[in-house]
Amino acid sequence: MEPLVAQLKALAEPTRLRIAVLLSRGELTVSELVQILGQSQPRVSRHLKLLSDAGLAVRLPQGSFVYYRLADSGPGKRLARVIGELAPPEDPVLRRDVDRLESVKEARAVAAQAYFDRASADWEKIRSLQFSEAEVEAAMRAATGEGPFELMIDVGVGTGRILEVFADRVKRGVGVDINHAMLNLARLNLERAGMSHGSVRQADVTALPFEDGAADLVTVHQVLHYLDDPAAAITECARVLKPGGVLLIVDFAPHQLEFLKTEHAHLRLGFSDNEITDWVEEAGLGLARRTALHPEEKTEKLTVKIWAARKDKRPIKSEGRRFGARAAS
């Protein structure tokens, strides 16, 4: 009973209740809350600390920024889930807060779109070299099984698209990335998609901020080719998997497109089945399925490979597709 009393006490103050209502609509920084509430930074920080101490809010450092969101686990989860519903929408103070919140989100969207515009030319060029995204996403869903998954961790979240792909199969999805601008873009896209059970955090793939055995599903989509030590990343992903959990890796088969190194910062020109199998087994997992999505014959396009591994060994399944037609991998 004591945790509930502490939570109710934390909410029994107008500013803290306003903050909780705002956080029910998405993650916010201290400076954004200061802008919305019109109060000093020390005062807002003090209120956030009390909400965090009561288990109602979670502090998420992201470089020089700190984001806060309502708790989605622990003793404050149930109360945090209904705060937004309990707030009277006709209250003039709350209505003004929500209007200011929309202005803050609009400013975020403008910054995120500017980043996307700068990077999109590179992304489009790489997309043109590979199998259609719809086919890749369908193959990813087939490789994981139906779920449902309690916790999904998407490593190198990018635009947040992979969290959206699995939104109907996961109860909670968390995307991690080291790039602050990319996290803001993913956060914006998840909000636009209405994925309230998805969030993002800043973290390095070799030091994930999760306990051992926390996740049912870990996805690593087009990330390994940027890393100095892909094997270490796979080992870290395996650490946070539950027994029976799935690690899904999507990347390119070996290729000779050197410009991806010189112009797009790829450190590896694809991966062989033997490499991935060795790294997966060294991490204590068993390869359960592999899929190859082949380009048309005699083209410059890339073959996309999908490897699914589990903490319990399963028979290996192999399949390949050549633009919709099945072929041996």
Protein backbone atom coordinates (compact mmCIF):
# COMPACT_ATOMS: atom_id res chain seq x y z
CA MET A 1 0.00 0.00 0.00
CA GLU A 2 2.89 2.41 0.69
CA PRO A 3 3.95 2.75 -3.00
CA LEU A 4 0.39 3.69 -3.96
CA VAL A 5 0.19 6.27 -1.17
CA ALA A 6 3.50 7.77 -2.36
CA GLN A 7 2.22 7.92 -5.94
CA LEU A 8 -1.02 9.62 -4.93
CA LYS A 9 0.89 12.13 -2.80
CA ALA A 10 3.18 12.88 -5.75
CA LEU A 11 0.16 13.67 -7.92
CA ALA A 12 -1.59 15.73 -5.23
CA GLU A 13 0.03 18.96 -6.40
CA PRO A 14 -1.22 20.93 -9.43
CA THR A 15 2.09 21.33 -11.28
CA ARG A 16 3.07 17.68 -10.87
CA LEU A 17 -0.36 16.61 -12.11
CA ARG A 18 0.05 18.91 -15.13
CA ILE A 19 3.46 17.36 -15.83
CA ALA A 20 2.04 13.85 -15.55
CA VAL A 21 -0.76 14.70 -17.99
CA LEU A 22 1.75 16.13 -20.47
CA LEU A 23 3.97 13.04 -20.18
CA SER A 24 0.93 10.86 -20.86
CA ARG A 25 1.06 12.36 -24.36
CA GLY A 26 4.73 11.53 -25.01
CA GLU A 27 8.33 11.99 -23.88
CA LEU A 28 9.49 15.52 -23.06
CA THR A 29 12.73 17.19 -21.99
CA VAL A 30 13.07 19.45 -18.98
CA SER A 31 13.50 22.49 -21.24
CA GLU A 32 10.34 21.59 -23.18
CA LEU A 33 8.37 21.29 -19.93
CA VAL A 34 9.78 24.63 -18.77
CA GLN A 35 8.56 26.19 -22.02
CA ILE A 36 5.08 24.67 -21.67
CA LEU A 37 4.55 25.30 -17.96
CA GLY A 38 6.16 28.73 -17.81
CA GLN A 39 8.07 27.81 -14.64
CA SER A 40 11.76 27.83 -13.77
CA GLN A 41 14.03 24.93 -14.65
CA PRO A 42 14.95 24.14 -11.00
CA ARG A 43 11.29 24.00 -10.02
CA VAL A 44 10.34 21.75 -12.92
CA SER A 45 13.32 19.49 -12.22
CA ARG A 46 12.26 19.20 -8.58
CA HIS A 47 8.75 18.13 -9.57
CA LEU A 48 10.15 15.59 -12.02
CA LYS A 49 12.37 14.13 -9.32
CA LEU A 50 9.39 13.64 -7.02
CA LEU A 51 7.41 11.94 -9.79
CA SER A 52 10.41 9.72 -10.56
CA ASP A 53 10.98 8.86 -6.90
CA ALA A 54 7.32 7.78 -6.69
CA GLY A 55 7.79 5.45 -9.66
CA LEU A 56 5.47 7.41 -11.93
CA ALA A 57 8.07 8.88 -14.30
CA VAL A 58 11.31 7.59 -15.83
CA ARG A 59 14.43 9.67 -16.51
CA LEU A 60 16.11 8.96 -19.88
CA PRO A 61 19.48 10.71 -20.47
CA GLN A 62 20.21 11.32 -24.15
CA GLY A 63 23.60 13.00 -24.56
CA SER A 64 23.29 16.54 -23.20
CA PHE A 65 19.50 16.16 -23.08
CA VAL A 66 17.33 14.36 -20.53
CA TYR A 67 13.91 13.07 -21.56
CA TYR A 68 11.15 12.01 -19.18
CA ARG A 69 8.22 9.71 -19.79
CA LEU A 70 5.59 8.02 -17.65
CA ALA A 71 6.57 4.66 -16.19
CA ASP A 72 5.72 1.62 -18.32
CA SER A 73 6.97 -0.88 -15.75
CA GLY A 74 7.28 -1.16 -11.99
CA PRO A 75 4.83 -0.18 -9.23
CA GLY A 76 3.74 3.07 -10.88
CA LYS A 77 2.83 1.51 -14.23
CA ARG A 78 -0.92 1.04 -13.63
CA LEU A 79 -1.55 4.53 -12.27
CA ALA A 80 0.64 6.15 -14.94
CA ARG A 81 -1.40 4.40 -17.62
CA VAL A 82 -4.65 6.16 -16.64
CA ILE A 83 -3.43 9.64 -15.69
CA GLY A 84 -4.24 11.10 -19.10
CA GLU A 85 -7.74 9.62 -19.02
CA LEU A 86 -8.50 11.00 -15.56
CA ALA A 87 -7.53 14.59 -16.37
CA PRO A 88 -10.55 16.84 -17.08
CA PRO A 89 -10.15 17.95 -20.73
CA GLU A 90 -12.25 21.10 -20.16
CA ASP A 91 -9.84 22.47 -17.52
CA PRO A 92 -8.46 25.77 -18.93
CA VAL A 93 -4.94 25.25 -17.51
CA LEU A 94 -4.64 21.76 -18.94
CA ARG A 95 -6.09 22.92 -22.25
CA ARG A 96 -3.46 25.67 -22.46
CA ASP A 97 -0.73 23.15 -21.60
CA VAL A 98 -1.85 20.87 -24.42
CA ASP A 99 -1.88 23.78 -26.89
CA ARG A 100 1.68 24.67 -25.92
CA LEU A 101 2.65 21.01 -26.15
CA GLU A 102 1.48 20.95 -29.76
CA SER A 103 3.72 23.95 -30.51
CA VAL A 104 6.69 22.14 -28.95
CA LYS A 105 5.97 19.03 -31.00
CA GLU A 106 5.69 21.10 -34.16
CA ALA A 107 9.14 22.61 -33.53
CA ARG A 108 10.48 19.09 -33.00
CA ALA A 109 8.90 17.95 -36.25
CA VAL A 110 10.52 20.78 -38.20
CA ALA A 111 13.97 19.89 -36.82
CA ALA A 112 13.45 16.18 -37.49
CA GLN A 113 12.28 16.84 -41.04
CA ALA A 114 15.36 18.99 -41.70
CA TYR A 115 17.60 16.11 -40.59
CA PHE A 116 15.63 13.64 -42.71
CA ASP A 117 15.91 15.91 -45.76
CA ARG A 118 19.69 16.04 -45.37
CA ALA A 119 20.04 12.27 -45.03
CA SER A 120 17.28 11.05 -47.34
CA ALA A 121 19.31 11.26 -50.56
CA ASP A 122 21.81 8.73 -49.19
CA TRP A 123 19.06 6.46 -47.88
CA GLU A 124 17.21 6.49 -51.18
CA LYS A 125 20.35 5.53 -53.08
CA ILE A 126 20.95 2.52 -50.82
CA ARG A 127 17.27 1.52 -50.92
CA SER A 128 17.42 1.44 -54.72
CA LEU A 129 20.11 -1.25 -54.52
CA GLN A 130 18.15 -3.76 -52.49
CA PHE A 131 15.01 -5.83 -52.34
CA SER A 132 11.73 -3.95 -51.75
CA GLU A 133 11.19 -2.87 -48.16
CA ALA A 134 7.73 -4.42 -48.08
CA GLU A 135 9.19 -7.83 -49.00
CA VAL A 136 11.96 -7.48 -46.40
CA GLU A 137 9.50 -6.51 -43.68
CA ALA A 138 7.19 -9.43 -44.54
CA ALA A 139 10.15 -11.83 -44.39
CA MET A 140 11.20 -10.38 -41.02
CA ARG A 141 7.74 -10.97 -39.58
CA ALA A 142 7.73 -14.52 -40.92
CA ALA A 143 11.14 -15.21 -39.38
CA THR A 144 10.18 -14.17 -35.83
CA GLY A 145 6.93 -16.10 -35.47
CA GLU A 146 3.62 -14.70 -34.30
CA GLY A 147 4.58 -13.72 -30.78
CA PRO A 148 3.23 -11.95 -28.84
CA PHE A 149 6.42 -10.46 -27.40
CA GLU A 150 6.44 -8.71 -24.03
CA LEU A 151 9.49 -6.56 -24.84
CA MET A 152 11.08 -5.86 -28.20
CA ILE A 153 14.39 -4.02 -28.44
CA ASP A 154 15.28 -2.54 -31.82
CA VAL A 155 19.03 -1.88 -32.00
CA GLY A 156 19.90 1.06 -34.23
CA VAL A 157 16.31 2.24 -34.37
CA GLY A 158 16.82 4.63 -37.29
CA THR A 159 13.48 6.11 -38.33
CA GLY A 160 11.54 3.80 -35.99
CA ARG A 161 10.11 1.83 -38.89
CA ILE A 162 10.99 -1.64 -37.54
CA LEU A 163 9.16 -0.91 -34.28
CA GLU A 164 6.12 -0.02 -36.38
CA VAL A 165 6.45 -3.26 -38.37
CA PHE A 166 6.10 -5.31 -35.18
CA ALA A 167 3.70 -2.97 -33.35
CA ASP A 168 0.85 -5.49 -33.42
CA ARG A 169 3.00 -8.28 -31.95
CA VAL A 170 4.71 -6.52 -29.06
CA LYS A 171 3.37 -5.20 -25.77
CA ARG A 172 6.30 -2.81 -25.43
CA GLY A 173 8.90 -1.76 -27.98
CA VAL A 174 12.09 0.20 -27.25
CA GLY A 175 14.41 1.49 -29.94
CA VAL A 176 18.01 2.41 -29.14
CA ASP A 177 20.42 4.51 -31.17
CA ILE A 178 23.54 6.55 -30.50
CA ASN A 179 22.47 9.41 -32.79
CA HIS A 180 20.42 12.13 -31.06
CA ALA A 181 18.92 13.52 -34.28
CA MET A 182 17.89 10.03 -35.39
CA LEU A 183 16.22 9.38 -32.05
CA ASN A 184 14.16 12.55 -32.44
CA LEU A 185 13.10 11.42 -35.90
CA ALA A 186 12.11 7.98 -34.59
CA ARG A 187 10.25 9.53 -31.65
CA LEU A 188 8.29 11.74 -34.03
CA ASN A 189 7.44 8.86 -36.37
CA LEU A 190 6.23 6.65 -33.52
CA GLU A 191 3.96 9.43 -32.27
CA ARG A 192 2.58 9.97 -35.78
CA ALA A 193 1.94 6.23 -36.09
CA GLY A 194 0.07 6.22 -32.77
CA MET A 195 2.45 3.65 -31.30
CA SER A 196 2.00 4.62 -27.65
CA HIS A 197 3.69 1.41 -26.49
CA GLY A 198 6.90 2.32 -28.33
CA SER A 199 9.72 4.54 -27.07
CA VAL A 200 13.37 5.30 -27.81
CA ARG A 201 16.56 5.60 -25.76
CA GLN A 202 20.10 6.69 -26.47
CA ALA A 203 22.53 3.81 -26.07
CA ASP A 204 25.46 2.05 -27.69
CA VAL A 205 24.87 -1.40 -29.13
CA THR A 206 27.75 -2.81 -27.09
CA ALA A 207 26.28 -1.53 -23.79
CA LEU A 208 22.51 -1.87 -23.91
CA PRO A 209 20.70 -0.35 -20.90
CA PHE A 210 18.69 -3.48 -20.12
CA GLU A 211 19.02 -6.30 -17.61
CA ASP A 212 20.04 -9.81 -18.59
CA GLY A 213 17.14 -11.74 -20.09
CA ALA A 214 14.86 -8.71 -20.40
CA ALA A 215 13.63 -9.06 -24.00
CA ASP A 216 11.68 -11.61 -26.03
CA LEU A 217 12.73 -10.08 -29.36
CA VAL A 218 15.82 -8.11 -30.39
CA THR A 219 16.07 -6.77 -33.94
CA VAL A 220 19.26 -5.52 -35.62
CA HIS A 221 18.22 -4.14 -39.00
CA GLN A 222 20.97 -2.91 -41.34
CA VAL A 223 23.27 -2.00 -38.44
CA LEU A 224 26.09 -4.55 -38.32
CA HIS A 225 27.84 -3.24 -41.43
CA TYR A 226 28.50 0.07 -39.63
CA LEU A 227 30.18 -1.53 -36.60
CA ASP A 228 33.85 -2.10 -35.78
CA ASP A 229 33.02 -5.28 -33.85
CA PRO A 230 29.79 -6.95 -35.02
CA ALA A 231 30.50 -10.04 -32.90
CA ALA A 232 30.53 -7.95 -29.70
CA ALA A 233 27.19 -6.40 -30.69
CA ILE A 234 25.64 -9.84 -31.21
CA THR A 235 26.95 -11.00 -27.83
CA GLU A 236 25.39 -7.99 -26.14
CA CYS A 237 22.08 -8.57 -27.89
CA ALA A 238 22.15 -12.21 -26.75
CA ARG A 239 22.74 -11.08 -23.16
CA VAL A 240 19.45 -9.18 -23.01
CA LEU A 241 17.41 -12.04 -24.54
CA LYS A 242 15.19 -14.28 -22.45
CA PRO A 243 15.50 -18.06 -22.85
CA GLY A 244 13.60 -18.84 -26.04
CA GLY A 245 13.84 -15.22 -27.17
CA VAL A 246 14.55 -14.31 -30.79
CA LEU A 247 17.47 -12.31 -32.18
CA LEU A 248 16.66 -11.10 -35.70
CA ILE A 249 19.56 -9.82 -37.83
CA VAL A 250 19.00 -8.20 -41.23
CA ASP A 251 21.94 -7.19 -43.38
CA PHE A 252 23.56 -7.71 -46.76
CA ALA A 253 25.19 -10.82 -48.15
CA PRO A 254 28.85 -10.33 -49.18
CA HIS A 255 29.16 -7.90 -52.11
CA GLN A 256 31.72 -5.77 -53.95
CA LEU A 257 30.10 -2.32 -53.92
CA GLU A 258 33.11 -0.42 -52.58
CA PHE A 259 31.36 2.98 -52.79
CA LEU A 260 29.25 1.97 -49.79
CA LYS A 261 32.48 2.11 -47.77
CA THR A 262 33.87 5.31 -49.22
CA GLU A 263 30.62 7.27 -49.53
CA HIS A 264 28.26 5.78 -46.93
CA ALA A 265 30.52 4.74 -44.02
CA HIS A 266 29.89 0.99 -44.34
CA LEU A 267 32.75 -0.80 -42.57
CA ARG A 268 31.76 -4.26 -43.85
CA LEU A 269 30.73 -5.26 -47.36
CA GLY A 270 28.14 -7.77 -46.21
CA PHE A 271 28.27 -10.94 -44.11
CA SER A 272 28.40 -14.64 -44.93
CA ASP A 273 26.23 -17.29 -43.30
CA ASN A 274 29.33 -18.78 -41.70
CA GLU A 275 30.30 -15.48 -40.06
CA ILE A 276 26.86 -14.88 -38.60
CA THR A 277 26.48 -18.51 -37.51
CA ASP A 278 29.84 -18.44 -35.71
CA TRP A 279 29.07 -15.17 -33.92
CA VAL A 280 25.58 -16.31 -32.94
CA GLU A 281 26.83 -19.61 -31.53
CA GLU A 282 29.69 -17.91 -29.67
CA ALA A 283 27.02 -15.71 -28.05
CA GLY A 284 25.18 -18.80 -26.81
CA LEU A 285 22.39 -18.80 -29.37
CA GLY A 286 21.31 -21.25 -32.04
CA LEU A 287 20.51 -20.24 -35.60
CA ALA A 288 16.86 -21.12 -36.15
CA ARG A 289 16.17 -19.73 -39.61
CA ARG A 290 17.86 -17.92 -42.45
CA THR A 291 16.30 -16.21 -45.45
CA ALA A 292 17.89 -14.78 -48.59
CA LEU A 293 16.13 -12.16 -50.68
CA HIS A 294 17.96 -12.26 -53.99
CA PRO A 295 18.05 -9.52 -56.64
CA GLU A 296 17.40 -10.23 -60.29
CA GLU A 297 20.20 -11.95 -62.14
CA LYS A 298 23.09 -9.83 -63.45
CA THR A 299 22.18 -6.62 -61.65
CA GLU A 300 24.03 -4.32 -59.28
CA LYS A 301 21.45 -4.88 -56.55
CA LEU A 302 22.25 -6.37 -53.16
CA THR A 303 21.06 -9.62 -51.60
CA VAL A 304 19.37 -9.03 -48.25
CA LYS A 305 19.91 -11.76 -45.65
CA ILE A 306 17.76 -12.39 -42.58
CA TRP A 307 19.05 -14.56 -39.76
CA ALA A 308 16.84 -15.57 -36.81
CA ALA A 309 18.53 -17.06 -33.73
CA ARG A 310 17.14 -18.32 -30.42
CA LYS A 311 18.48 -19.03 -26.99
CA ASP A 312 17.18 -22.55 -27.36
CA LYS A 313 18.40 -24.50 -30.38
CA ARG A 314 15.95 -25.08 -33.20
CA PRO A 315 16.39 -26.78 -36.59
CA ILE A 316 17.77 -24.48 -39.27
CA LYS A 317 15.38 -23.44 -42.03
CA SER A 318 16.69 -21.87 -45.21
CA GLU A 319 14.72 -20.10 -47.87
CA GLY A 320 15.40 -17.62 -50.64
CA ARG A 321 13.38 -15.37 -52.89
CA ARG A 322 14.17 -13.80 -56.21
CA PHE A 323 11.74 -10.85 -56.45
CA GLY A 324 8.76 -12.87 -55.34
CA ALA A 325 9.85 -16.29 -56.66
CA ARG A 326 11.27 -18.76 -54.19
CA ALA A 327 14.77 -20.06 -54.81
CA ALA A 328 17.37 -21.99 -52.84
CA SER A 329 19.57 -19.75 -50.74
